């Protein structure tokens, strides 16, 4: 399934203004906003967090890479082009979990 079709199956993230990805120390590592160019990633990360108890675990990262579909291969071919996918690639190979903090719209 391609990314656009996958997005149609994910829960809406329209109720979110943004989400923060937090490290073990509670520091904000990244913020995804509900705006053009980030809304799809916001939906992916929010759905993963909902499935994995508010965290992005290595297993969640692997699933997210599947959801990004054709964009995952593009990220592998062009490191840095898709930072939200690059993050999941790194986290899928690690052992840490990252907490997701949602910001309501």
Protein backbone atom coordinates (compact mmCIF):
# COMPACT_ATOMS: atom_id res chain seq x y z
CA UNK A 1 0.00 0.00 0.00
CA UNK A 2 1.39 3.41 -0.88
CA UNK A 3 1.73 6.27 1.60
CA UNK A 4 -1.28 8.26 0.38
CA UNK A 5 -3.56 5.23 0.76
CA UNK A 6 -2.12 4.46 4.19
CA UNK A 7 -2.83 8.01 5.37
CA UNK A 8 -6.49 7.53 4.46
CA UNK A 9 -6.61 4.56 6.85
CA UNK A 10 -4.95 6.30 9.80
CA UNK A 11 -6.99 8.17 12.40
CA UNK A 12 -7.37 11.86 11.72
CA UNK A 13 -4.88 14.14 13.47
CA UNK A 14 -6.95 17.28 12.83
CA UNK A 15 -7.45 17.67 16.59
CA UNK A 16 -3.70 18.19 17.03
CA UNK A 17 -1.73 21.39 16.53
CA UNK A 18 1.55 19.52 16.97
CA UNK A 19 3.35 16.80 18.81
CA UNK A 20 6.68 16.75 20.60
CA UNK A 21 9.04 13.79 20.55
CA UNK A 22 10.76 13.58 23.92
CA UNK A 23 13.99 11.89 24.91
CA UNK A 24 14.52 9.92 28.11
CA UNK A 25 15.41 13.14 29.95
CA UNK A 26 12.17 14.83 28.82
CA UNK A 27 14.00 17.11 26.37
CA UNK A 28 12.14 17.90 23.15
CA UNK A 29 14.03 16.18 20.35
CA UNK A 30 11.68 17.23 17.56
CA UNK A 31 8.34 18.88 16.97
CA UNK A 32 5.94 17.92 14.18
CA UNK A 33 3.31 20.52 13.38
CA UNK A 34 -0.07 20.13 11.75
CA UNK A 35 0.80 22.12 8.64
CA UNK A 36 1.45 21.34 4.99
CA UNK A 37 4.56 19.23 4.58
CA UNK A 38 4.31 17.78 8.10
CA UNK A 39 0.64 16.78 8.49
CA UNK A 40 1.23 13.28 7.10
CA UNK A 41 4.12 12.66 9.46
CA UNK A 42 2.09 14.05 12.33
CA UNK A 43 -0.65 11.52 11.53
CA UNK A 44 1.86 8.65 11.33
CA UNK A 45 3.59 9.51 14.60
CA UNK A 46 0.28 10.14 16.40
CA UNK A 47 -1.12 6.79 15.24
CA UNK A 48 2.07 4.99 16.29
CA UNK A 49 1.94 6.64 19.71
CA UNK A 50 -1.69 5.59 20.12
CA UNK A 51 -0.81 1.98 19.29
CA UNK A 52 2.30 1.89 21.49
CA UNK A 53 1.13 3.55 24.71
CA UNK A 54 2.27 7.08 23.95
CA UNK A 55 5.76 6.05 22.88
CA UNK A 56 7.73 5.40 19.73
CA UNK A 57 9.47 2.11 20.45
CA UNK A 58 11.78 0.27 18.05
CA UNK A 59 8.77 -1.88 17.05
CA UNK A 60 6.69 1.26 16.46
CA UNK A 61 9.51 2.70 14.34
CA UNK A 62 9.56 -0.45 12.18
CA UNK A 63 5.80 -0.20 11.65
CA UNK A 64 6.11 3.49 10.82
CA UNK A 65 8.69 2.67 8.15
CA UNK A 66 6.21 0.25 6.60
CA UNK A 67 3.53 2.96 6.65
CA UNK A 68 5.79 5.48 4.93
CA UNK A 69 5.97 2.91 2.09
CA UNK A 70 7.71 4.30 -1.00
CA UNK A 71 9.07 7.27 0.97
CA UNK A 72 11.14 4.92 3.16
CA UNK A 73 13.12 3.72 0.15
CA UNK A 74 13.59 7.33 -0.96
CA UNK A 75 14.88 8.21 2.52
CA UNK A 76 17.36 5.33 2.37
CA UNK A 77 18.56 6.50 -1.05
CA UNK A 78 18.70 10.19 -0.05
CA UNK A 79 19.65 10.56 3.64
CA UNK A 80 18.52 13.90 5.05
CA UNK A 81 15.70 14.40 2.54
CA UNK A 82 13.05 12.94 4.90
CA UNK A 83 14.07 13.77 8.49
CA UNK A 84 10.96 12.21 10.05
CA UNK A 85 11.72 8.92 8.29
CA UNK A 86 15.45 9.20 9.03
CA UNK A 87 14.52 9.43 12.72
CA UNK A 88 12.47 6.23 12.52
CA UNK A 89 15.28 4.46 10.68
CA UNK A 90 17.65 5.26 13.55
CA UNK A 91 15.13 4.45 16.26
CA UNK A 92 14.19 1.11 14.65
CA UNK A 93 17.80 -0.02 15.13
CA UNK A 94 18.03 1.15 18.74
CA UNK A 95 16.59 -0.03 22.02
CA UNK A 96 15.18 3.21 23.44
CA UNK A 97 11.60 4.42 23.47
CA UNK A 98 10.70 8.04 22.89
CA UNK A 99 7.65 9.63 24.51
CA UNK A 100 5.14 11.50 22.38
CA UNK A 101 3.49 14.60 23.82
CA UNK A 102 0.48 15.82 21.86
CA UNK A 103 -0.53 19.47 21.64
CA UNK A 104 -4.25 20.02 21.06
CA UNK A 105 -5.41 22.35 18.30
